[in-house]
């Protein structure tokens, strides 16, 4: 996981970067705020099956409030 500080229109916000995707961490003004807060969150997720090059993920996060998300992303099927 990588962290970055975004700046736009005179405001800043911390973001978590996963690959090519950035998720804004709304309650943190910059990366320093995230690091000072310490490890206070947990995230769990379940990926669905790959169909037509897409998969769904359901994620739940706790820490500083609760978050629930449904994500649709590109994926390649794997055989086991």
PDB file of N, CA and C in Angstrom:
ATOM      1  N   UNK A   1       0.840  -1.171   0.000  1.00  0.00           N
ATOM      2  CA  UNK A   1       0.000   0.000   0.000  1.00  0.00           C
ATOM      3  C   UNK A   1       0.889   1.239   0.000  1.00  0.00           C
ATOM      4  N   UNK A   2       0.516   2.205  -0.814  1.00  0.00           N
ATOM      5  CA  UNK A   2       1.221   3.488  -0.844  1.00  0.00           C
ATOM      6  C   UNK A   2       0.249   4.581  -0.414  1.00  0.00           C
ATOM      7  N   UNK A   3       0.791   5.622   0.201  1.00  0.00           N
ATOM      8  CA  UNK A   3      -0.002   6.779   0.596  1.00  0.00           C
ATOM      9  C   UNK A   3       0.491   8.003  -0.143  1.00  0.00           C
ATOM     10  N   UNK A   4      -0.425   8.929  -0.426  1.00  0.00           N
ATOM     11  CA  UNK A   4      -0.031  10.187  -1.059  1.00  0.00           C
ATOM     12  C   UNK A   4      -0.952  11.292  -0.568  1.00  0.00           C
ATOM     13  N   UNK A   5      -0.470  12.530  -0.681  1.00  0.00           N
ATOM     14  CA  UNK A   5      -1.285  13.696  -0.355  1.00  0.00           C
ATOM     15  C   UNK A   5      -1.716  14.352  -1.653  1.00  0.00           C
ATOM     16  N   UNK A   6      -3.012  14.516  -1.820  1.00  0.00           N
ATOM     17  CA  UNK A   6      -3.564  15.190  -2.999  1.00  0.00           C
ATOM     18  C   UNK A   6      -3.814  16.646  -2.655  1.00  0.00           C
ATOM     19  N   UNK A   7      -3.582  17.523  -3.608  1.00  0.00           N
ATOM     20  CA  UNK A   7      -3.853  18.940  -3.404  1.00  0.00           C
ATOM     21  C   UNK A   7      -4.640  19.467  -4.589  1.00  0.00           C
ATOM     22  N   UNK A   8      -5.769  20.125  -4.319  1.00  0.00           N
ATOM     23  CA  UNK A   8      -6.574  20.734  -5.368  1.00  0.00           C
ATOM     24  C   UNK A   8      -7.426  21.830  -4.766  1.00  0.00           C
ATOM     25  N   UNK A   9      -7.606  22.894  -5.505  1.00  0.00           N
ATOM     26  CA  UNK A   9      -8.428  24.038  -5.099  1.00  0.00           C
ATOM     27  C   UNK A   9      -8.123  24.524  -3.683  1.00  0.00           C
ATOM     28  N   UNK A  10      -6.864  24.532  -3.323  1.00  0.00           N
ATOM     29  CA  UNK A  10      -6.454  25.048  -2.023  1.00  0.00           C
ATOM     30  C   UNK A  10      -6.680  24.109  -0.852  1.00  0.00           C
ATOM     31  N   UNK A  11      -7.127  22.892  -1.106  1.00  0.00           N
ATOM     32  CA  UNK A  11      -7.354  21.918  -0.033  1.00  0.00           C
ATOM     33  C   UNK A  11      -6.474  20.690  -0.270  1.00  0.00           C
ATOM     34  N   UNK A  12      -6.251  19.916   0.791  1.00  0.00           N
ATOM     35  CA  UNK A  12      -5.478  18.682   0.659  1.00  0.00           C
ATOM     36  C   UNK A  12      -6.255  17.527   1.280  1.00  0.00           C
ATOM     37  N   UNK A  13      -5.906  16.326   0.843  1.00  0.00           N
ATOM     38  CA  UNK A  13      -6.483  15.104   1.412  1.00  0.00           C
ATOM     39  C   UNK A  13      -5.496  13.973   1.206  1.00  0.00           C
ATOM     40  N   UNK A  14      -5.464  13.048   2.143  1.00  0.00           N
ATOM     41  CA  UNK A  14      -4.616  11.859   1.999  1.00  0.00           C
ATOM     42  C   UNK A  14      -5.357  10.849   1.135  1.00  0.00           C
ATOM     43  N   UNK A  15      -4.592  10.030   0.408  1.00  0.00           N
ATOM     44  CA  UNK A  15      -5.181   8.975  -0.418  1.00  0.00           C
ATOM     45  C   UNK A  15      -4.328   7.727  -0.320  1.00  0.00           C
ATOM     46  N   UNK A  16      -4.989   6.578  -0.403  1.00  0.00           N
ATOM     47  CA  UNK A  16      -4.308   5.286  -0.454  1.00  0.00           C
ATOM     48  C   UNK A  16      -4.252   4.875  -1.923  1.00  0.00           C
ATOM     49  N   UNK A  17      -3.072   4.458  -2.392  1.00  0.00           N
ATOM     50  CA  UNK A  17      -2.889   4.078  -3.792  1.00  0.00           C
ATOM     51  C   UNK A  17      -2.673   2.572  -3.876  1.00  0.00           C
ATOM     52  N   UNK A  18      -3.532   1.900  -4.643  1.00  0.00           N
ATOM     53  CA  UNK A  18      -3.425   0.475  -4.902  1.00  0.00           C
ATOM     54  C   UNK A  18      -3.347   0.296  -6.416  1.00  0.00           C
ATOM     55  N   UNK A  19      -2.152   0.017  -6.927  1.00  0.00           N
ATOM     56  CA  UNK A  19      -1.988  -0.100  -8.379  1.00  0.00           C
ATOM     57  C   UNK A  19      -2.230   1.235  -9.048  1.00  0.00           C
ATOM     58  N   UNK A  20      -3.220   1.287  -9.925  1.00  0.00           N
ATOM     59  CA  UNK A  20      -3.557   2.535 -10.617  1.00  0.00           C
ATOM     60  C   UNK A  20      -4.762   3.230 -10.002  1.00  0.00           C
ATOM     61  N   UNK A  21      -5.214   2.769  -8.867  1.00  0.00           N
ATOM     62  CA  UNK A  21      -6.417   3.291  -8.229  1.00  0.00           C
ATOM     63  C   UNK A  21      -6.061   4.030  -6.945  1.00  0.00           C
ATOM     64  N   UNK A  22      -6.629   5.221  -6.760  1.00  0.00           N
ATOM     65  CA  UNK A  22      -6.418   5.995  -5.530  1.00  0.00           C
ATOM     66  C   UNK A  22      -7.753   6.149  -4.811  1.00  0.00           C
ATOM     67  N   UNK A  23      -7.745   5.915  -3.500  1.00  0.00           N
ATOM     68  CA  UNK A  23      -8.939   6.068  -2.674  1.00  0.00           C
ATOM     69  C   UNK A  23      -8.672   7.175  -1.669  1.00  0.00           C
ATOM     70  N   UNK A  24      -9.485   8.227  -1.704  1.00  0.00           N
ATOM     71  CA  UNK A  24      -9.300   9.367  -0.799  1.00  0.00           C
ATOM     72  C   UNK A  24      -9.705   8.958   0.609  1.00  0.00           C
ATOM     73  N   UNK A  25      -8.853   9.256   1.574  1.00  0.00           N
ATOM     74  CA  UNK A  25      -9.116   9.006   2.995  1.00  0.00           C
ATOM     75  C   UNK A  25      -9.638  10.310   3.579  1.00  0.00           C
ATOM     76  N   UNK A  26     -10.937  10.475   3.561  1.00  0.00           N
ATOM     77  CA  UNK A  26     -11.581  11.765   3.809  1.00  0.00           C
ATOM     78  C   UNK A  26     -11.273  12.415   5.147  1.00  0.00           C
ATOM     79  N   UNK A  27     -11.032  11.630   6.174  1.00  0.00           N
ATOM     80  CA  UNK A  27     -10.836  12.270   7.488  1.00  0.00           C
ATOM     81  C   UNK A  27      -9.396  12.692   7.748  1.00  0.00           C
ATOM     82  N   UNK A  28      -8.503  12.518   6.775  1.00  0.00           N
ATOM     83  CA  UNK A  28      -7.096  12.880   6.936  1.00  0.00           C
ATOM     84  C   UNK A  28      -6.709  13.972   5.936  1.00  0.00           C
ATOM     85  N   UNK A  29      -6.094  15.041   6.436  1.00  0.00           N
ATOM     86  CA  UNK A  29      -5.701  16.154   5.574  1.00  0.00           C
ATOM     87  C   UNK A  29      -4.444  15.859   4.769  1.00  0.00           C
ATOM     88  N   UNK A  30      -3.565  14.983   5.290  1.00  0.00           N
ATOM     89  CA  UNK A  30      -2.338  14.637   4.564  1.00  0.00           C
ATOM     90  C   UNK A  30      -1.794  13.306   5.086  1.00  0.00           C
ATOM     91  N   UNK A  31      -0.727  12.847   4.470  1.00  0.00           N
ATOM     92  CA  UNK A  31      -0.134  11.568   4.847  1.00  0.00           C
ATOM     93  C   UNK A  31       0.346  11.582   6.299  1.00  0.00           C
ATOM     94  N   UNK A  32       0.841  12.705   6.770  1.00  0.00           N
ATOM     95  CA  UNK A  32       1.290  12.818   8.157  1.00  0.00           C
ATOM     96  C   UNK A  32       0.173  12.497   9.143  1.00  0.00           C
ATOM     97  N   UNK A  33      -1.054  12.965   8.859  1.00  0.00           N
ATOM     98  CA  UNK A  33      -2.200  12.653   9.724  1.00  0.00           C
ATOM     99  C   UNK A  33      -2.468  11.153   9.759  1.00  0.00           C
ATOM    100  N   UNK A  34      -2.347  10.487   8.620  1.00  0.00           N
ATOM    101  CA  UNK A  34      -2.578   9.035   8.553  1.00  0.00           C
ATOM    102  C   UNK A  34      -1.549   8.308   9.412  1.00  0.00           C
ATOM    103  N   UNK A  35      -0.279   8.680   9.264  1.00  0.00           N
ATOM    104  CA  UNK A  35       0.784   8.006  10.009  1.00  0.00           C
ATOM    105  C   UNK A  35       0.672   8.245  11.510  1.00  0.00           C
ATOM    106  N   UNK A  36       0.277   9.445  11.901  1.00  0.00           N
ATOM    107  CA  UNK A  36       0.113   9.746  13.326  1.00  0.00           C
ATOM    108  C   UNK A  36      -1.070   8.993  13.934  1.00  0.00           C
ATOM    109  N   UNK A  37      -2.090   8.690  13.138  1.00  0.00           N
ATOM    110  CA  UNK A  37      -3.271   7.982  13.639  1.00  0.00           C
ATOM    111  C   UNK A  37      -2.951   6.535  13.982  1.00  0.00           C
ATOM    112  N   UNK A  38      -1.918   5.976  13.369  1.00  0.00           N
ATOM    113  CA  UNK A  38      -1.526   4.598  13.663  1.00  0.00           C
ATOM    114  C   UNK A  38      -2.447   3.587  13.015  1.00  0.00           C
ATOM    115  N   UNK A  39      -2.204   2.330  13.301  1.00  0.00           N
ATOM    116  CA  UNK A  39      -2.987   1.259  12.684  1.00  0.00           C
ATOM    117  C   UNK A  39      -4.337   1.079  13.372  1.00  0.00           C
ATOM    118  N   UNK A  40      -5.302   1.902  13.011  1.00  0.00           N
ATOM    119  CA  UNK A  40      -6.603   1.856  13.668  1.00  0.00           C
ATOM    120  C   UNK A  40      -7.711   1.355  12.752  1.00  0.00           C
ATOM    121  N   UNK A  41      -7.370   0.775  11.624  1.00  0.00           N
ATOM    122  CA  UNK A  41      -8.426   0.321  10.728  1.00  0.00           C
ATOM    123  C   UNK A  41      -8.174  -1.100  10.256  1.00  0.00           C
ATOM    124  N   UNK A  42      -9.245  -1.727   9.834  1.00  0.00           N
ATOM    125  CA  UNK A  42      -9.169  -3.081   9.289  1.00  0.00           C
ATOM    126  C   UNK A  42     -10.106  -3.163   8.090  1.00  0.00           C
ATOM    127  N   UNK A  43      -9.681  -3.892   7.083  1.00  0.00           N
ATOM    128  CA  UNK A  43     -10.492  -4.056   5.873  1.00  0.00           C
ATOM    129  C   UNK A  43     -10.563  -5.539   5.545  1.00  0.00           C
ATOM    130  N   UNK A  44     -11.746  -5.995   5.170  1.00  0.00           N
ATOM    131  CA  UNK A  44     -11.931  -7.377   4.729  1.00  0.00           C
ATOM    132  C   UNK A  44     -12.692  -7.346   3.411  1.00  0.00           C
ATOM    133  N   UNK A  45     -12.351  -8.247   2.510  1.00  0.00           N
ATOM    134  CA  UNK A  45     -13.018  -8.271   1.213  1.00  0.00           C
ATOM    135  C   UNK A  45     -13.187  -9.672   0.674  1.00  0.00           C
ATOM    136  N   UNK A  46     -14.174  -9.814  -0.195  1.00  0.00           N
ATOM    137  CA  UNK A  46     -14.442 -11.083  -0.871  1.00  0.00           C
ATOM    138  C   UNK A  46     -14.537 -10.791  -2.361  1.00  0.00           C
ATOM    139  N   UNK A  47     -13.764 -11.524  -3.172  1.00  0.00           N
ATOM    140  CA  UNK A  47     -13.828 -11.397  -4.620  1.00  0.00           C
ATOM    141  C   UNK A  47     -14.759 -12.446  -5.184  1.00  0.00           C
ATOM    142  N   UNK A  48     -15.571 -12.039  -6.147  1.00  0.00           N
ATOM    143  CA  UNK A  48     -16.469 -12.969  -6.820  1.00  0.00           C
ATOM    144  C   UNK A  48     -15.778 -13.646  -7.993  1.00  0.00           C
ATOM    145  N   UNK A  49     -16.506 -14.505  -8.706  1.00  0.00           N
ATOM    146  CA  UNK A  49     -15.919 -15.200  -9.849  1.00  0.00           C
ATOM    147  C   UNK A  49     -15.677 -14.250 -11.022  1.00  0.00           C
ATOM    148  N   UNK A  50     -14.712 -14.598 -11.865  1.00  0.00           N
ATOM    149  CA  UNK A  50     -14.416 -13.795 -13.054  1.00  0.00           C
ATOM    150  C   UNK A  50     -15.355 -14.223 -14.172  1.00  0.00           C
ATOM    151  N   UNK A  51     -16.040 -13.262 -14.769  1.00  0.00           N
ATOM    152  CA  UNK A  51     -16.922 -13.520 -15.910  1.00  0.00           C
ATOM    153  C   UNK A  51     -16.750 -12.398 -16.909  1.00  0.00           C
ATOM    154  N   UNK A  52     -16.489 -12.760 -18.158  1.00  0.00           N
ATOM    155  CA  UNK A  52     -16.324 -11.789 -19.242  1.00  0.00           C
ATOM    156  C   UNK A  52     -15.250 -10.756 -18.924  1.00  0.00           C
ATOM    157  N   UNK A  53     -14.188 -11.181 -18.244  1.00  0.00           N
ATOM    158  CA  UNK A  53     -13.081 -10.287 -17.924  1.00  0.00           C
ATOM    159  C   UNK A  53     -13.333  -9.331 -16.779  1.00  0.00           C
ATOM    160  N   UNK A  54     -14.443  -9.526 -16.042  1.00  0.00           N
ATOM    161  CA  UNK A  54     -14.777  -8.656 -14.912  1.00  0.00           C
ATOM    162  C   UNK A  54     -15.031  -9.492 -13.671  1.00  0.00           C
ATOM    163  N   UNK A  55     -14.790  -8.901 -12.516  1.00  0.00           N
ATOM    164  CA  UNK A  55     -15.122  -9.535 -11.242  1.00  0.00           C
ATOM    165  C   UNK A  55     -15.691  -8.479 -10.299  1.00  0.00           C
ATOM    166  N   UNK A  56     -16.456  -8.919  -9.334  1.00  0.00           N
ATOM    167  CA  UNK A  56     -16.977  -8.016  -8.310  1.00  0.00           C
ATOM    168  C   UNK A  56     -16.263  -8.301  -6.997  1.00  0.00           C
ATOM    169  N   UNK A  57     -16.122  -7.292  -6.189  1.00  0.00           N
ATOM    170  CA  UNK A  57     -15.545  -7.431  -4.854  1.00  0.00           C
ATOM    171  C   UNK A  57     -16.462  -6.710  -3.875  1.00  0.00           C
ATOM    172  N   UNK A  58     -16.643  -7.307  -2.720  1.00  0.00           N
ATOM    173  CA  UNK A  58     -17.396  -6.695  -1.638  1.00  0.00           C
ATOM    174  C   UNK A  58     -16.408  -6.446  -0.515  1.00  0.00           C
ATOM    175  N   UNK A  59     -16.305  -5.193  -0.056  1.00  0.00           N
ATOM    176  CA  UNK A  59     -15.337  -4.855   0.984  1.00  0.00           C
ATOM    177  C   UNK A  59     -16.006  -4.140   2.144  1.00  0.00           C
ATOM    178  N   UNK A  60     -15.526  -4.440   3.350  1.00  0.00           N
ATOM    179  CA  UNK A  60     -15.996  -3.794   4.574  1.00  0.00           C
ATOM    180  C   UNK A  60     -14.775  -3.260   5.304  1.00  0.00           C
ATOM    181  N   UNK A  61     -14.815  -2.006   5.727  1.00  0.00           N
ATOM    182  CA  UNK A  61     -13.711  -1.414   6.463  1.00  0.00           C
ATOM    183  C   UNK A  61     -14.185  -0.821   7.777  1.00  0.00           C
ATOM    184  N   UNK A  62     -13.384  -0.983   8.808  1.00  0.00           N
ATOM    185  CA  UNK A  62     -13.682  -0.426  10.127  1.00  0.00           C
ATOM    186  C   UNK A  62     -12.500   0.396  10.602  1.00  0.00           C
ATOM    187  N   UNK A  63     -12.780   1.437  11.325  1.00  0.00           N
ATOM    188  CA  UNK A  63     -11.737   2.314  11.852  1.00  0.00           C
ATOM    189  C   UNK A  63     -12.083   3.741  11.504  1.00  0.00           C
ATOM    190  N   UNK A  64     -12.409   4.559  12.477  1.00  0.00           N
ATOM    191  CA  UNK A  64     -12.826   5.929  12.196  1.00  0.00           C
ATOM    192  C   UNK A  64     -14.199   5.959  11.548  1.00  0.00           C
ATOM    193  N   UNK A  65     -14.972   4.930  11.757  1.00  0.00           N
ATOM    194  CA  UNK A  65     -16.274   4.781  11.111  1.00  0.00           C
ATOM    195  C   UNK A  65     -16.285   3.491  10.320  1.00  0.00           C
ATOM    196  N   UNK A  66     -17.410   3.161   9.765  1.00  0.00           N
ATOM    197  CA  UNK A  66     -17.530   1.927   8.981  1.00  0.00           C
ATOM    198  C   UNK A  66     -17.743   2.276   7.520  1.00  0.00           C
ATOM    199  N   UNK A  67     -17.182   1.447   6.642  1.00  0.00           N
ATOM    200  CA  UNK A  67     -17.340   1.646   5.207  1.00  0.00           C
ATOM    201  C   UNK A  67     -17.692   0.322   4.566  1.00  0.00           C
ATOM    202  N   UNK A  68     -18.610   0.356   3.618  1.00  0.00           N
ATOM    203  CA  UNK A  68     -18.981  -0.817   2.849  1.00  0.00           C
ATOM    204  C   UNK A  68     -18.898  -0.432   1.385  1.00  0.00           C
ATOM    205  N   UNK A  69     -18.301  -1.305   0.559  1.00  0.00           N
ATOM    206  CA  UNK A  69     -18.163  -0.975  -0.851  1.00  0.00           C
ATOM    207  C   UNK A  69     -18.356  -2.179  -1.748  1.00  0.00           C
ATOM    208  N   UNK A  70     -18.897  -1.930  -2.922  1.00  0.00           N
ATOM    209  CA  UNK A  70     -19.015  -2.936  -3.963  1.00  0.00           C
ATOM    210  C   UNK A  70     -18.189  -2.442  -5.136  1.00  0.00           C
ATOM    211  N   UNK A  71     -17.252  -3.241  -5.591  1.00  0.00           N
ATOM    212  CA  UNK A  71     -16.299  -2.816  -6.615  1.00  0.00           C
ATOM    213  C   UNK A  71     -16.413  -3.730  -7.819  1.00  0.00           C
ATOM    214  N   UNK A  72     -16.415  -3.157  -9.007  1.00  0.00           N
ATOM    215  CA  UNK A  72     -16.391  -3.900 -10.262  1.00  0.00           C
ATOM    216  C   UNK A  72     -15.066  -3.587 -10.929  1.00  0.00           C
ATOM    217  N   UNK A  73     -14.263  -4.627 -11.219  1.00  0.00           N
ATOM    218  CA  UNK A  73     -12.947  -4.385 -11.798  1.00  0.00           C
ATOM    219  C   UNK A  73     -12.596  -5.439 -12.829  1.00  0.00           C
ATOM    220  N   UNK A  74     -11.601  -5.126 -13.663  1.00  0.00           N
ATOM    221  CA  UNK A  74     -11.129  -6.069 -14.666  1.00  0.00           C
ATOM    222  C   UNK A  74     -10.317  -7.156 -13.991  1.00  0.00           C
ATOM    223  N   UNK A  75     -10.424  -8.389 -14.507  1.00  0.00           N
ATOM    224  CA  UNK A  75      -9.678  -9.488 -13.939  1.00  0.00           C
ATOM    225  C   UNK A  75      -9.493 -10.580 -14.995  1.00  0.00           C
ATOM    226  N   UNK A  76      -8.523 -11.430 -14.733  1.00  0.00           N
ATOM    227  CA  UNK A  76      -8.241 -12.580 -15.589  1.00  0.00           C
ATOM    228  C   UNK A  76      -8.539 -13.833 -14.781  1.00  0.00           C
ATOM    229  N   UNK A  77      -9.309 -14.759 -15.358  1.00  0.00           N
ATOM    230  CA  UNK A  77      -9.649 -15.993 -14.659  1.00  0.00           C
ATOM    231  C   UNK A  77      -8.403 -16.831 -14.432  1.00  0.00           C
ATOM    232  N   UNK A  78      -8.313 -17.436 -13.255  1.00  0.00           N
ATOM    233  CA  UNK A  78      -7.191 -18.322 -12.918  1.00  0.00           C
ATOM    234  C   UNK A  78      -7.720 -19.730 -12.699  1.00  0.00           C
ATOM    235  N   UNK A  79      -6.986 -20.696 -13.158  1.00  0.00           N
ATOM    236  CA  UNK A  79      -7.349 -22.105 -12.921  1.00  0.00           C
ATOM    237  C   UNK A  79      -6.527 -22.636 -11.754  1.00  0.00           C
ATOM    238  N   UNK A  80      -7.150 -23.411 -10.915  1.00  0.00           N
ATOM    239  CA  UNK A  80      -6.458 -23.994  -9.754  1.00  0.00           C
ATOM    240  C   UNK A  80      -6.488 -25.490  -9.847  1.00  0.00           C
TER     241      UNK A  80
END
